[in-house]
Amino acid sequence: MHAQAPSAREYQVKAVFLFNFSHFVEWPSSAFGSAESPMTIGVLGNNPFGSYLEQAVAGETMDGRKLVIRYCSDIKEALGCQMLFINTPGRTKEVLAALSGKSILTVGDGEDFAKNGGMIQFYLANNKTRIKINLTAAKAANITISSKLLRLAEIVE
């Protein structure tokens, strides 16, 4: 039996999760260029979301900031993001090391993503999308995750 390819529905759900994370995470003011700067959600590597991410954030704001999506081909482009979905199989540890200490919420769905220093990892359990959170990585980046989000997560050290 082969591992089933992720369904479009799975990434539709994950896109909504990413949007919702923006309401349960606090970034230091230094993570934004100015009080008017948008909240930027980046995707580094292949885009598994199709148009779902744009649909999830269309017309939405976070603390008065417009939400924008940026597709990044390298780490330098990703540095201007406040949240980054990392989809770089085989390079994830290298990417996380390069972003270490930056106030960027790192999200991914690769196996051991959170154990390797990512902040939020998606995984499937009983056909439901669940999350693991690495609080140590978030604290090192000066990012605060709401207790409401932590209650839904498995905490990883």
C-alpha atoms as a PDB file:
ATOM      1  CA  MET A   1       0.000   0.000   0.000  1.00  0.00           C
ATOM      2  CA  HIS A   2       1.352   3.439  -0.958  1.00  0.00           C
ATOM      3  CA  ALA A   3       1.272   6.535   1.229  1.00  0.00           C
ATOM      4  CA  GLN A   4      -1.594   8.652   0.041  1.00  0.00           C
ATOM      5  CA  ALA A   5      -0.681  11.984  -1.562  1.00  0.00           C
ATOM      6  CA  PRO A   6      -1.938  14.971   0.400  1.00  0.00           C
ATOM      7  CA  SER A   7      -5.353  15.977  -0.804  1.00  0.00           C
ATOM      8  CA  ALA A   8      -6.360  19.440  -1.926  1.00  0.00           C
ATOM      9  CA  ARG A   9      -8.774  19.452   1.027  1.00  0.00           C
ATOM     10  CA  GLU A  10      -5.887  18.888   3.449  1.00  0.00           C
ATOM     11  CA  TYR A  11      -4.112  22.018   2.192  1.00  0.00           C
ATOM     12  CA  GLN A  12      -7.349  23.981   2.172  1.00  0.00           C
ATOM     13  CA  VAL A  13      -7.639  23.200   5.914  1.00  0.00           C
ATOM     14  CA  LYS A  14      -3.960  24.066   6.486  1.00  0.00           C
ATOM     15  CA  ALA A  15      -4.425  27.412   4.698  1.00  0.00           C
ATOM     16  CA  VAL A  16      -7.216  28.297   7.134  1.00  0.00           C
ATOM     17  CA  PHE A  17      -4.988  27.221  10.047  1.00  0.00           C
ATOM     18  CA  LEU A  18      -2.238  29.575   8.809  1.00  0.00           C
ATOM     19  CA  PHE A  19      -4.691  32.467   8.654  1.00  0.00           C
ATOM     20  CA  ASN A  20      -5.965  31.635  12.153  1.00  0.00           C
ATOM     21  CA  PHE A  21      -2.434  31.423  13.586  1.00  0.00           C
ATOM     22  CA  SER A  22      -2.118  35.160  12.878  1.00  0.00           C
ATOM     23  CA  HIS A  23      -4.764  35.793  15.554  1.00  0.00           C
ATOM     24  CA  PHE A  24      -3.168  33.587  18.239  1.00  0.00           C
ATOM     25  CA  VAL A  25       0.463  34.626  17.912  1.00  0.00           C
ATOM     26  CA  GLU A  26       2.159  37.858  18.999  1.00  0.00           C
ATOM     27  CA  TRP A  27       5.218  39.176  17.211  1.00  0.00           C
ATOM     28  CA  PRO A  28       7.544  41.839  18.585  1.00  0.00           C
ATOM     29  CA  SER A  29       6.993  45.242  16.938  1.00  0.00           C
ATOM     30  CA  SER A  30      10.492  44.879  15.457  1.00  0.00           C
ATOM     31  CA  ALA A  31       9.130  42.070  13.222  1.00  0.00           C
ATOM     32  CA  PHE A  32       7.306  44.738  11.181  1.00  0.00           C
ATOM     33  CA  GLY A  33       8.812  47.621   9.225  1.00  0.00           C
ATOM     34  CA  SER A  34       6.256  50.073  10.618  1.00  0.00           C
ATOM     35  CA  ALA A  35       2.831  50.243  12.284  1.00  0.00           C
ATOM     36  CA  GLU A  36       1.267  50.228   8.791  1.00  0.00           C
ATOM     37  CA  SER A  37       3.308  47.301   7.426  1.00  0.00           C
ATOM     38  CA  PRO A  38       1.261  44.304   6.331  1.00  0.00           C
ATOM     39  CA  MET A  39       1.366  40.920   8.031  1.00  0.00           C
ATOM     40  CA  THR A  40       3.166  38.751   5.471  1.00  0.00           C
ATOM     41  CA  ILE A  41       2.608  35.003   5.247  1.00  0.00           C
ATOM     42  CA  GLY A  42       5.286  33.420   3.112  1.00  0.00           C
ATOM     43  CA  VAL A  43       5.594  30.056   1.416  1.00  0.00           C
ATOM     44  CA  LEU A  44       9.190  28.921   0.907  1.00  0.00           C
ATOM     45  CA  GLY A  45       9.705  26.177  -1.659  1.00  0.00           C
ATOM     46  CA  ASN A  46       6.896  24.461  -3.528  1.00  0.00           C
ATOM     47  CA  ASN A  47       3.414  25.892  -2.997  1.00  0.00           C
ATOM     48  CA  PRO A  48       1.128  23.034  -1.879  1.00  0.00           C
ATOM     49  CA  PHE A  49      -1.822  25.384  -1.281  1.00  0.00           C
ATOM     50  CA  GLY A  50      -2.798  26.291  -4.833  1.00  0.00           C
ATOM     51  CA  SER A  51      -4.997  29.384  -4.419  1.00  0.00           C
ATOM     52  CA  TYR A  52      -6.377  28.355  -0.997  1.00  0.00           C
ATOM     53  CA  LEU A  53      -4.020  30.599   0.967  1.00  0.00           C
ATOM     54  CA  GLU A  54      -5.000  33.712  -1.008  1.00  0.00           C
ATOM     55  CA  GLN A  55      -8.664  32.771  -0.568  1.00  0.00           C
ATOM     56  CA  ALA A  56      -8.212  32.311   3.204  1.00  0.00           C
ATOM     57  CA  VAL A  57      -6.726  35.786   3.719  1.00  0.00           C
ATOM     58  CA  ALA A  58      -8.631  37.761   1.066  1.00  0.00           C
ATOM     59  CA  GLY A  59      -9.888  40.990   2.629  1.00  0.00           C
ATOM     60  CA  GLU A  60      -8.751  39.923   6.113  1.00  0.00           C
ATOM     61  CA  THR A  61      -6.637  41.841   8.605  1.00  0.00           C
ATOM     62  CA  MET A  62      -4.656  41.062  11.755  1.00  0.00           C
ATOM     63  CA  ASP A  63      -4.577  43.837  14.372  1.00  0.00           C
ATOM     64  CA  GLY A  64      -5.377  46.362  11.629  1.00  0.00           C
ATOM     65  CA  ARG A  65      -2.651  45.043   9.334  1.00  0.00           C
ATOM     66  CA  LYS A  66      -3.515  43.851   5.846  1.00  0.00           C
ATOM     67  CA  LEU A  67      -2.596  40.190   5.274  1.00  0.00           C
ATOM     68  CA  VAL A  68      -0.477  39.454   2.217  1.00  0.00           C
ATOM     69  CA  ILE A  69       0.934  36.243   0.754  1.00  0.00           C
ATOM     70  CA  ARG A  70       4.481  36.038  -0.583  1.00  0.00           C
ATOM     71  CA  TYR A  71       5.917  33.071  -2.494  1.00  0.00           C
ATOM     72  CA  CYS A  72       9.635  32.846  -1.762  1.00  0.00           C
ATOM     73  CA  SER A  73      12.265  31.043  -3.786  1.00  0.00           C
ATOM     74  CA  ASP A  74      15.072  31.631  -1.268  1.00  0.00           C
ATOM     75  CA  ILE A  75      15.688  32.464   2.379  1.00  0.00           C
ATOM     76  CA  LYS A  76      16.573  36.102   1.627  1.00  0.00           C
ATOM     77  CA  GLU A  77      13.045  36.683   0.239  1.00  0.00           C
ATOM     78  CA  ALA A  78      11.553  34.960   3.300  1.00  0.00           C
ATOM     79  CA  LEU A  79      13.218  37.329   5.778  1.00  0.00           C
ATOM     80  CA  GLY A  80      10.485  39.942   5.265  1.00  0.00           C
ATOM     81  CA  CYS A  81       7.746  37.531   6.353  1.00  0.00           C
ATOM     82  CA  GLN A  82       6.218  37.261   9.814  1.00  0.00           C
ATOM     83  CA  MET A  83       4.946  33.713   9.183  1.00  0.00           C
ATOM     84  CA  LEU A  84       6.614  31.225   6.862  1.00  0.00           C
ATOM     85  CA  PHE A  85       5.362  27.858   5.641  1.00  0.00           C
ATOM     86  CA  ILE A  86       8.507  25.889   4.810  1.00  0.00           C
ATOM     87  CA  ASN A  87       8.198  23.259   2.095  1.00  0.00           C
ATOM     88  CA  THR A  88      11.811  22.478   1.239  1.00  0.00           C
ATOM     89  CA  PRO A  89      12.248  18.693   1.515  1.00  0.00           C
ATOM     90  CA  GLY A  90      15.853  17.778   2.245  1.00  0.00           C
ATOM     91  CA  ARG A  91      16.766  21.392   3.133  1.00  0.00           C
ATOM     92  CA  THR A  92      14.479  22.024   6.098  1.00  0.00           C
ATOM     93  CA  LYS A  93      17.197  21.854   8.796  1.00  0.00           C
ATOM     94  CA  GLU A  94      19.377  24.252   6.786  1.00  0.00           C
ATOM     95  CA  VAL A  95      16.450  26.689   6.323  1.00  0.00           C
ATOM     96  CA  LEU A  96      15.488  26.559  10.009  1.00  0.00           C
ATOM     97  CA  ALA A  97      19.113  27.179  11.020  1.00  0.00           C
ATOM     98  CA  ALA A  98      19.267  30.237   8.722  1.00  0.00           C
ATOM     99  CA  LEU A  99      16.059  31.627  10.270  1.00  0.00           C
ATOM    100  CA  SER A 100      17.053  30.854  13.866  1.00  0.00           C
ATOM    101  CA  GLY A 101      16.501  33.814  16.184  1.00  0.00           C
ATOM    102  CA  LYS A 102      14.509  35.783  13.584  1.00  0.00           C
ATOM    103  CA  SER A 103      10.966  36.793  14.608  1.00  0.00           C
ATOM    104  CA  ILE A 104       9.378  34.618  11.912  1.00  0.00           C
ATOM    105  CA  LEU A 105       6.787  31.996  12.881  1.00  0.00           C
ATOM    106  CA  THR A 106       8.047  28.878  11.093  1.00  0.00           C
ATOM    107  CA  VAL A 107       5.400  26.362  10.038  1.00  0.00           C
ATOM    108  CA  GLY A 108       5.771  23.082   8.148  1.00  0.00           C
ATOM    109  CA  ASP A 109       4.414  19.601   7.773  1.00  0.00           C
ATOM    110  CA  GLY A 110       7.547  17.551   7.298  1.00  0.00           C
ATOM    111  CA  GLU A 111       8.222  14.728   9.727  1.00  0.00           C
ATOM    112  CA  ASP A 112      10.139  15.981  12.801  1.00  0.00           C
ATOM    113  CA  PHE A 113       9.709  19.619  11.668  1.00  0.00           C
ATOM    114  CA  ALA A 114       9.077  20.798  15.250  1.00  0.00           C
ATOM    115  CA  LYS A 115      11.806  18.570  16.730  1.00  0.00           C
ATOM    116  CA  ASN A 116      14.259  20.092  14.232  1.00  0.00           C
ATOM    117  CA  GLY A 117      13.500  23.633  15.413  1.00  0.00           C
ATOM    118  CA  GLY A 118      10.349  24.573  13.492  1.00  0.00           C
ATOM    119  CA  MET A 119       7.729  26.314  15.624  1.00  0.00           C
ATOM    120  CA  ILE A 120       4.491  24.732  14.378  1.00  0.00           C
ATOM    121  CA  GLN A 121       4.230  21.364  12.645  1.00  0.00           C
ATOM    122  CA  PHE A 122       1.091  20.041  10.977  1.00  0.00           C
ATOM    123  CA  TYR A 123       0.442  16.321  11.172  1.00  0.00           C
ATOM    124  CA  LEU A 124      -2.512  14.045  10.537  1.00  0.00           C
ATOM    125  CA  ALA A 125      -4.115  11.943  13.265  1.00  0.00           C
ATOM    126  CA  ASN A 126      -7.335  10.023  12.612  1.00  0.00           C
ATOM    127  CA  ASN A 127      -7.730  11.942   9.325  1.00  0.00           C
ATOM    128  CA  LYS A 128      -7.699  15.277  11.184  1.00  0.00           C
ATOM    129  CA  THR A 129      -5.082  17.999  10.902  1.00  0.00           C
ATOM    130  CA  ARG A 130      -3.334  18.476  14.240  1.00  0.00           C
ATOM    131  CA  ILE A 131      -0.419  20.632  15.351  1.00  0.00           C
ATOM    132  CA  LYS A 132       2.780  20.249  17.337  1.00  0.00           C
ATOM    133  CA  ILE A 133       4.383  23.375  18.792  1.00  0.00           C
ATOM    134  CA  ASN A 134       8.025  23.886  19.701  1.00  0.00           C
ATOM    135  CA  LEU A 135       7.790  26.550  22.431  1.00  0.00           C
ATOM    136  CA  THR A 136      11.563  26.768  22.836  1.00  0.00           C
ATOM    137  CA  ALA A 137      11.956  27.800  19.181  1.00  0.00           C
ATOM    138  CA  ALA A 138       9.125  30.350  19.476  1.00  0.00           C
ATOM    139  CA  LYS A 139      10.603  31.896  22.639  1.00  0.00           C
ATOM    140  CA  ALA A 140      14.058  32.103  21.020  1.00  0.00           C
ATOM    141  CA  ALA A 141      12.450  34.152  18.205  1.00  0.00           C
ATOM    142  CA  ASN A 142      10.627  36.423  20.699  1.00  0.00           C
ATOM    143  CA  ILE A 143       7.258  35.095  19.491  1.00  0.00           C
ATOM    144  CA  THR A 144       4.418  34.506  21.953  1.00  0.00           C
ATOM    145  CA  ILE A 145       1.839  31.804  21.217  1.00  0.00           C
ATOM    146  CA  SER A 146      -1.569  32.138  22.884  1.00  0.00           C
ATOM    147  CA  SER A 147      -2.591  29.579  25.489  1.00  0.00           C
ATOM    148  CA  LYS A 148      -5.736  29.019  23.383  1.00  0.00           C
ATOM    149  CA  LEU A 149      -3.562  27.687  20.541  1.00  0.00           C
ATOM    150  CA  LEU A 150      -1.271  25.784  22.920  1.00  0.00           C
ATOM    151  CA  ARG A 151      -4.267  23.872  24.331  1.00  0.00           C
ATOM    152  CA  LEU A 152      -4.916  22.436  20.853  1.00  0.00           C
ATOM    153  CA  ALA A 153      -1.323  21.365  20.342  1.00  0.00           C
ATOM    154  CA  GLU A 154       1.123  18.683  21.318  1.00  0.00           C
ATOM    155  CA  ILE A 155       4.132  20.484  22.829  1.00  0.00           C
ATOM    156  CA  VAL A 156       7.535  19.397  21.490  1.00  0.00           C
ATOM    157  CA  GLU A 157      10.913  20.188  23.039  1.00  0.00           C
END
